[in-house]
PDB file of N, CA and C in Angstrom:
ATOM      1  N   MET A   1      10.429   9.447  -1.133  1.00  0.00           N
ATOM      2  CA  MET A   1       9.698   9.752  -2.351  1.00  0.00           C
ATOM      3  C   MET A   1      10.150   8.812  -3.457  1.00  0.00           C
ATOM      4  N   THR A   2       9.228   8.407  -4.270  1.00  0.00           N
ATOM      5  CA  THR A   2       9.517   7.553  -5.410  1.00  0.00           C
ATOM      6  C   THR A   2       9.114   8.282  -6.683  1.00  0.00           C
ATOM      7  N   TRP A   3      10.014   8.353  -7.626  1.00  0.00           N
ATOM      8  CA  TRP A   3       9.783   9.049  -8.881  1.00  0.00           C
ATOM      9  C   TRP A   3       9.380   8.019  -9.927  1.00  0.00           C
ATOM     10  N   THR A   4       8.245   8.225 -10.583  1.00  0.00           N
ATOM     11  CA  THR A   4       7.811   7.356 -11.669  1.00  0.00           C
ATOM     12  C   THR A   4       8.139   8.050 -12.978  1.00  0.00           C
ATOM     13  N   PHE A   5       9.023   7.450 -13.756  1.00  0.00           N
ATOM     14  CA  PHE A   5       9.451   8.049 -15.011  1.00  0.00           C
ATOM     15  C   PHE A   5       8.403   7.834 -16.089  1.00  0.00           C
ATOM     16  N   GLY A   6       8.345   8.738 -17.027  1.00  0.00           N
ATOM     17  CA  GLY A   6       7.492   8.619 -18.193  1.00  0.00           C
ATOM     18  C   GLY A   6       8.348   8.750 -19.432  1.00  0.00           C
ATOM     19  N   GLY A   7       7.735   8.860 -20.558  1.00  0.00           N
ATOM     20  CA  GLY A   7       8.464   9.058 -21.809  1.00  0.00           C
ATOM     21  C   GLY A   7       9.335   7.870 -22.163  1.00  0.00           C
ATOM     22  N   ALA A   8      10.528   8.134 -22.666  1.00  0.00           N
ATOM     23  CA  ALA A   8      11.439   7.083 -23.112  1.00  0.00           C
ATOM     24  C   ALA A   8      11.986   6.246 -21.953  1.00  0.00           C
ATOM     25  N   LEU A   9      11.965   6.772 -20.757  1.00  0.00           N
ATOM     26  CA  LEU A   9      12.506   6.062 -19.601  1.00  0.00           C
ATOM     27  C   LEU A   9      11.441   5.272 -18.844  1.00  0.00           C
ATOM     28  N   ALA A  10      10.211   5.245 -19.345  1.00  0.00           N
ATOM     29  CA  ALA A  10       9.091   4.652 -18.613  1.00  0.00           C
ATOM     30  C   ALA A  10       9.262   3.160 -18.363  1.00  0.00           C
ATOM     31  N   GLY A  11       9.810   2.414 -19.296  1.00  0.00           N
ATOM     32  CA  GLY A  11       9.908   0.971 -19.145  1.00  0.00           C
ATOM     33  C   GLY A  11      11.132   0.487 -18.397  1.00  0.00           C
ATOM     34  N   LEU A  12      12.007   1.389 -18.022  1.00  0.00           N
ATOM     35  CA  LEU A  12      13.253   0.999 -17.371  1.00  0.00           C
ATOM     36  C   LEU A  12      13.090   0.950 -15.855  1.00  0.00           C
ATOM     37  N   PRO A  13      13.866   0.098 -15.194  1.00  0.00           N
ATOM     38  CA  PRO A  13      13.876   0.130 -13.718  1.00  0.00           C
ATOM     39  C   PRO A  13      14.410   1.486 -13.243  1.00  0.00           C
ATOM     40  N   PRO A  14      13.969   1.946 -12.080  1.00  0.00           N
ATOM     41  CA  PRO A  14      14.381   3.285 -11.621  1.00  0.00           C
ATOM     42  C   PRO A  14      15.894   3.486 -11.548  1.00  0.00           C
ATOM     43  N   GLY A  15      16.646   2.485 -11.112  1.00  0.00           N
ATOM     44  CA  GLY A  15      18.099   2.636 -11.029  1.00  0.00           C
ATOM     45  C   GLY A  15      18.737   2.860 -12.383  1.00  0.00           C
ATOM     46  N   VAL A  16      18.266   2.130 -13.373  1.00  0.00           N
ATOM     47  CA  VAL A  16      18.799   2.274 -14.735  1.00  0.00           C
ATOM     48  C   VAL A  16      18.395   3.624 -15.317  1.00  0.00           C
ATOM     49  N   ALA A  17      17.152   4.042 -15.071  1.00  0.00           N
ATOM     50  CA  ALA A  17      16.684   5.330 -15.590  1.00  0.00           C
ATOM     51  C   ALA A  17      17.475   6.480 -14.974  1.00  0.00           C
ATOM     52  N   TRP A  18      17.712   6.428 -13.651  1.00  0.00           N
ATOM     53  CA  TRP A  18      18.507   7.472 -13.007  1.00  0.00           C
ATOM     54  C   TRP A  18      19.935   7.475 -13.537  1.00  0.00           C
ATOM     55  N   ALA A  19      20.490   6.283 -13.776  1.00  0.00           N
ATOM     56  CA  ALA A  19      21.856   6.202 -14.309  1.00  0.00           C
ATOM     57  C   ALA A  19      21.933   6.795 -15.715  1.00  0.00           C
ATOM     58  N   ALA A  20      20.938   6.511 -16.546  1.00  0.00           N
ATOM     59  CA  ALA A  20      20.918   7.068 -17.900  1.00  0.00           C
ATOM     60  C   ALA A  20      20.780   8.589 -17.861  1.00  0.00           C
ATOM     61  N   LEU A  21      19.905   9.062 -16.999  1.00  0.00           N
ATOM     62  CA  LEU A  21      19.709  10.501 -16.867  1.00  0.00           C
ATOM     63  C   LEU A  21      20.969  11.177 -16.325  1.00  0.00           C
ATOM     64  N   GLY A  22      21.597  10.570 -15.325  1.00  0.00           N
ATOM     65  CA  GLY A  22      22.838  11.123 -14.772  1.00  0.00           C
ATOM     66  C   GLY A  22      23.974  11.092 -15.771  1.00  0.00           C
ATOM     67  N   GLY A  23      24.068  10.012 -16.548  1.00  0.00           N
ATOM     68  CA  GLY A  23      25.107   9.929 -17.572  1.00  0.00           C
ATOM     69  C   GLY A  23      24.942  11.002 -18.640  1.00  0.00           C
ATOM     70  N   ALA A  24      23.692  11.247 -19.050  1.00  0.00           N
ATOM     71  CA  ALA A  24      23.436  12.305 -20.036  1.00  0.00           C
ATOM     72  C   ALA A  24      23.760  13.676 -19.452  1.00  0.00           C
ATOM     73  N   ALA A  25      23.454  13.877 -18.171  1.00  0.00           N
ATOM     74  CA  ALA A  25      23.759  15.159 -17.524  1.00  0.00           C
ATOM     75  C   ALA A  25      25.263  15.386 -17.457  1.00  0.00           C
ATOM     76  N   VAL A  26      25.997  14.377 -17.052  1.00  0.00           N
ATOM     77  CA  VAL A  26      27.456  14.499 -16.962  1.00  0.00           C
ATOM     78  C   VAL A  26      28.064  14.721 -18.347  1.00  0.00           C
ATOM     79  N   ALA A  27      27.570  13.991 -19.350  1.00  0.00           N
ATOM     80  CA  ALA A  27      28.083  14.161 -20.716  1.00  0.00           C
ATOM     81  C   ALA A  27      27.837  15.587 -21.206  1.00  0.00           C
ATOM     82  N   GLY A  28      26.677  16.145 -20.912  1.00  0.00           N
ATOM     83  CA  GLY A  28      26.385  17.516 -21.329  1.00  0.00           C
ATOM     84  C   GLY A  28      27.265  18.529 -20.632  1.00  0.00           C
ATOM     85  N   VAL A  29      27.476  18.350 -19.341  1.00  0.00           N
ATOM     86  CA  VAL A  29      28.324  19.265 -18.581  1.00  0.00           C
ATOM     87  C   VAL A  29      29.763  19.201 -19.082  1.00  0.00           C
ATOM     88  N   VAL A  30      30.252  18.001 -19.347  1.00  0.00           N
ATOM     89  CA  VAL A  30      31.614  17.842 -19.870  1.00  0.00           C
ATOM     90  C   VAL A  30      31.729  18.475 -21.251  1.00  0.00           C
ATOM     91  N   PHE A  31      30.728  18.300 -22.103  1.00  0.00           N
ATOM     92  CA  PHE A  31      30.775  18.892 -23.440  1.00  0.00           C
ATOM     93  C   PHE A  31      30.799  20.420 -23.368  1.00  0.00           C
ATOM     94  N   VAL A  32      29.978  21.006 -22.491  1.00  0.00           N
ATOM     95  CA  VAL A  32      29.960  22.462 -22.345  1.00  0.00           C
ATOM     96  C   VAL A  32      31.315  22.953 -21.852  1.00  0.00           C
ATOM     97  N   TRP A  33      31.865  22.294 -20.840  1.00  0.00           N
ATOM     98  CA  TRP A  33      33.182  22.697 -20.330  1.00  0.00           C
ATOM     99  C   TRP A  33      34.232  22.594 -21.438  1.00  0.00           C
ATOM    100  N   TRP A  34      34.207  21.490 -22.189  1.00  0.00           N
ATOM    101  CA  TRP A  34      35.188  21.274 -23.248  1.00  0.00           C
ATOM    102  C   TRP A  34      35.054  22.328 -24.340  1.00  0.00           C
ATOM    103  N   SER A  35      33.815  22.709 -24.688  1.00  0.00           N
ATOM    104  CA  SER A  35      33.630  23.681 -25.758  1.00  0.00           C
ATOM    105  C   SER A  35      34.204  25.047 -25.386  1.00  0.00           C
ATOM    106  N   TYR A  36      34.103  25.433 -24.105  1.00  0.00           N
ATOM    107  CA  TYR A  36      34.695  26.707 -23.699  1.00  0.00           C
ATOM    108  C   TYR A  36      36.190  26.578 -23.429  1.00  0.00           C
ATOM    109  N   HIS A  37      36.647  25.409 -23.052  1.00  0.00           N
ATOM    110  CA  HIS A  37      38.067  25.185 -22.814  1.00  0.00           C
ATOM    111  C   HIS A  37      38.847  25.265 -24.125  1.00  0.00           C
ATOM    112  N   ARG A  38      38.239  24.784 -25.216  1.00  0.00           N
ATOM    113  CA  ARG A  38      38.902  24.763 -26.516  1.00  0.00           C
ATOM    114  C   ARG A  38      38.529  25.958 -27.390  1.00  0.00           C
ATOM    115  N   ALA A  39      38.030  27.039 -26.807  1.00  0.00           N
ATOM    116  CA  ALA A  39      37.610  28.215 -27.573  1.00  0.00           C
ATOM    117  C   ALA A  39      38.813  28.866 -28.250  1.00  0.00           C
ATOM    118  N   LEU A  40      38.539  29.493 -29.388  1.00  0.00           N
ATOM    119  CA  LEU A  40      39.616  30.155 -30.133  1.00  0.00           C
ATOM    120  C   LEU A  40      40.067  31.448 -29.445  1.00  0.00           C
ATOM    121  N   VAL A  41      39.199  32.046 -28.681  1.00  0.00           N
ATOM    122  CA  VAL A  41      39.499  33.301 -27.990  1.00  0.00           C
ATOM    123  C   VAL A  41      39.682  32.999 -26.508  1.00  0.00           C
ATOM    124  N   GLU A  42      40.663  33.641 -25.902  1.00  0.00           N
ATOM    125  CA  GLU A  42      40.909  33.479 -24.463  1.00  0.00           C
ATOM    126  C   GLU A  42      39.759  34.094 -23.676  1.00  0.00           C
ATOM    127  N   ILE A  43      39.138  33.289 -22.815  1.00  0.00           N
ATOM    128  CA  ILE A  43      38.025  33.755 -21.989  1.00  0.00           C
ATOM    129  C   ILE A  43      38.484  33.732 -20.535  1.00  0.00           C
ATOM    130  N   SER A  44      38.183  34.799 -19.818  1.00  0.00           N
ATOM    131  CA  SER A  44      38.583  34.849 -18.412  1.00  0.00           C
ATOM    132  C   SER A  44      37.827  33.766 -17.632  1.00  0.00           C
ATOM    133  N   PRO A  45      38.417  33.244 -16.560  1.00  0.00           N
ATOM    134  CA  PRO A  45      37.766  32.169 -15.797  1.00  0.00           C
ATOM    135  C   PRO A  45      36.390  32.551 -15.253  1.00  0.00           C
ATOM    136  N   GLY A  46      36.209  33.769 -14.804  1.00  0.00           N
ATOM    137  CA  GLY A  46      34.910  34.199 -14.290  1.00  0.00           C
ATOM    138  C   GLY A  46      33.846  34.219 -15.376  1.00  0.00           C
ATOM    139  N   ARG A  47      34.201  34.763 -16.516  1.00  0.00           N
ATOM    140  CA  ARG A  47      33.263  34.816 -17.633  1.00  0.00           C
ATOM    141  C   ARG A  47      32.975  33.409 -18.160  1.00  0.00           C
ATOM    142  N   ARG A  48      33.999  32.557 -18.179  1.00  0.00           N
ATOM    143  CA  ARG A  48      33.805  31.172 -18.626  1.00  0.00           C
ATOM    144  C   ARG A  48      32.825  30.439 -17.708  1.00  0.00           C
ATOM    145  N   ALA A  49      32.937  30.663 -16.397  1.00  0.00           N
ATOM    146  CA  ALA A  49      32.028  30.016 -15.442  1.00  0.00           C
ATOM    147  C   ALA A  49      30.592  30.479 -15.660  1.00  0.00           C
ATOM    148  N   ILE A  50      30.400  31.772 -15.896  1.00  0.00           N
ATOM    149  CA  ILE A  50      29.051  32.290 -16.135  1.00  0.00           C
ATOM    150  C   ILE A  50      28.476  31.723 -17.427  1.00  0.00           C
ATOM    151  N   LEU A  51      29.268  31.708 -18.490  1.00  0.00           N
ATOM    152  CA  LEU A  51      28.788  31.185 -19.766  1.00  0.00           C
ATOM    153  C   LEU A  51      28.476  29.687 -19.670  1.00  0.00           C
ATOM    154  N   CYS A  52      29.308  28.947 -18.950  1.00  0.00           N
ATOM    155  CA  CYS A  52      29.045  27.514 -18.755  1.00  0.00           C
ATOM    156  C   CYS A  52      27.746  27.304 -17.983  1.00  0.00           C
ATOM    157  N   ALA A  53      27.531  28.082 -16.949  1.00  0.00           N
ATOM    158  CA  ALA A  53      26.299  27.950 -16.166  1.00  0.00           C
ATOM    159  C   ALA A  53      25.077  28.269 -17.015  1.00  0.00           C
ATOM    160  N   LEU A  54      25.186  29.278 -17.878  1.00  0.00           N
ATOM    161  CA  LEU A  54      24.065  29.636 -18.743  1.00  0.00           C
ATOM    162  C   LEU A  54      23.750  28.534 -19.759  1.00  0.00           C
ATOM    163  N   ARG A  55      24.723  27.732 -20.111  1.00  0.00           N
ATOM    164  CA  ARG A  55      24.454  26.608 -21.016  1.00  0.00           C
ATOM    165  C   ARG A  55      24.070  25.351 -20.260  1.00  0.00           C
ATOM    166  N   TRP A  56      24.574  25.174 -19.027  1.00  0.00           N
ATOM    167  CA  TRP A  56      24.240  23.977 -18.240  1.00  0.00           C
ATOM    168  C   TRP A  56      22.795  23.992 -17.776  1.00  0.00           C
ATOM    169  N   LEU A  57      22.293  25.140 -17.347  1.00  0.00           N
ATOM    170  CA  LEU A  57      20.944  25.207 -16.791  1.00  0.00           C
ATOM    171  C   LEU A  57      19.865  24.782 -17.788  1.00  0.00           C
ATOM    172  N   PRO A  58      19.875  25.264 -19.029  1.00  0.00           N
ATOM    173  CA  PRO A  58      18.871  24.756 -19.979  1.00  0.00           C
ATOM    174  C   PRO A  58      19.052  23.264 -20.270  1.00  0.00           C
ATOM    175  N   TRP A  59      20.298  22.798 -20.317  1.00  0.00           N
ATOM    176  CA  TRP A  59      20.547  21.375 -20.567  1.00  0.00           C
ATOM    177  C   TRP A  59      19.963  20.510 -19.446  1.00  0.00           C
ATOM    178  N   LEU A  60      20.205  20.892 -18.216  1.00  0.00           N
ATOM    179  CA  LEU A  60      19.672  20.134 -17.089  1.00  0.00           C
ATOM    180  C   LEU A  60      18.146  20.242 -17.022  1.00  0.00           C
ATOM    181  N   GLY A  61      17.596  21.400 -17.375  1.00  0.00           N
ATOM    182  CA  GLY A  61      16.147  21.549 -17.443  1.00  0.00           C
ATOM    183  C   GLY A  61      15.536  20.677 -18.520  1.00  0.00           C
ATOM    184  N   LEU A  62      16.201  20.594 -19.667  1.00  0.00           N
ATOM    185  CA  LEU A  62      15.726  19.731 -20.742  1.00  0.00           C
ATOM    186  C   LEU A  62      15.739  18.262 -20.319  1.00  0.00           C
ATOM    187  N   LEU A  63      16.762  17.856 -19.599  1.00  0.00           N
ATOM    188  CA  LEU A  63      16.807  16.472 -19.113  1.00  0.00           C
ATOM    189  C   LEU A  63      15.670  16.195 -18.137  1.00  0.00           C
ATOM    190  N   LEU A  64      15.331  17.157 -17.311  1.00  0.00           N
ATOM    191  CA  LEU A  64      14.212  16.984 -16.389  1.00  0.00           C
ATOM    192  C   LEU A  64      12.902  16.843 -17.163  1.00  0.00           C
ATOM    193  N   ILE A  65      12.743  17.616 -18.215  1.00  0.00           N
ATOM    194  CA  ILE A  65      11.545  17.504 -19.041  1.00  0.00           C
ATOM    195  C   ILE A  65      11.512  16.158 -19.756  1.00  0.00           C
ATOM    196  N   LEU A  66      12.657  15.697 -20.256  1.00  0.00           N
ATOM    197  CA  LEU A  66      12.704  14.405 -20.943  1.00  0.00           C
ATOM    198  C   LEU A  66      12.466  13.238 -19.994  1.00  0.00           C
ATOM    199  N   ALA A  67      12.755  13.420 -18.718  1.00  0.00           N
ATOM    200  CA  ALA A  67      12.472  12.371 -17.745  1.00  0.00           C
ATOM    201  C   ALA A  67      10.972  12.199 -17.563  1.00  0.00           C
ATOM    202  N   ALA A  68      10.212  13.217 -17.894  1.00  0.00           N
ATOM    203  CA  ALA A  68       8.752  13.201 -17.892  1.00  0.00           C
ATOM    204  C   ALA A  68       8.180  12.562 -16.631  1.00  0.00           C
ATOM    205  N   PRO A  69       8.345  13.215 -15.482  1.00  0.00           N
ATOM    206  CA  PRO A  69       7.781  12.608 -14.265  1.00  0.00           C
ATOM    207  C   PRO A  69       6.263  12.525 -14.367  1.00  0.00           C
ATOM    208  N   THR A  70       5.753  11.330 -14.219  1.00  0.00           N
ATOM    209  CA  THR A  70       4.305  11.156 -14.263  1.00  0.00           C
ATOM    210  C   THR A  70       3.706  11.197 -12.884  1.00  0.00           C
ATOM    211  N   ARG A  71       4.449  10.730 -11.896  1.00  0.00           N
ATOM    212  CA  ARG A  71       3.970  10.696 -10.520  1.00  0.00           C
ATOM    213  C   ARG A  71       5.156  10.715  -9.566  1.00  0.00           C
ATOM    214  N   ILE A  72       4.954  11.325  -8.443  1.00  0.00           N
ATOM    215  CA  ILE A  72       5.928  11.234  -7.365  1.00  0.00           C
ATOM    216  C   ILE A  72       5.159  10.689  -6.165  1.00  0.00           C
ATOM    217  N   HIS A  73       5.524   9.491  -5.736  1.00  0.00           N
ATOM    218  CA  HIS A  73       4.852   8.838  -4.613  1.00  0.00           C
ATOM    219  C   HIS A  73       5.597   9.124  -3.325  1.00  0.00           C
ATOM    220  N   ARG A  74       4.877   9.437  -2.289  1.00  0.00           N
ATOM    221  CA  ARG A  74       5.496   9.614  -0.961  1.00  0.00           C
ATOM    222  C   ARG A  74       5.360   8.290  -0.233  1.00  0.00           C
ATOM    223  N   THR A  75       6.478   7.770   0.217  1.00  0.00           N
ATOM    224  CA  THR A  75       6.454   6.489   0.916  1.00  0.00           C
ATOM    225  C   THR A  75       6.597   6.682   2.401  1.00  0.00           C
TER     226      THR A  75
END
């Protein structure tokens, strides 16, 4: 399958677009982890994992929307 990017990533080669999208995803995940790691209140590890997942899922969904797939070609 070949993914055709739209939006801001439309003019970039696919490798560069995937790298930019992956870098933004990793940066968001690291920021969420860091924000709960540096919290003023002690959070149990189980609760921290749930809260991180609840913040990661919308972030990753937003990145998928920003990638704006225009077409997926089957090769």
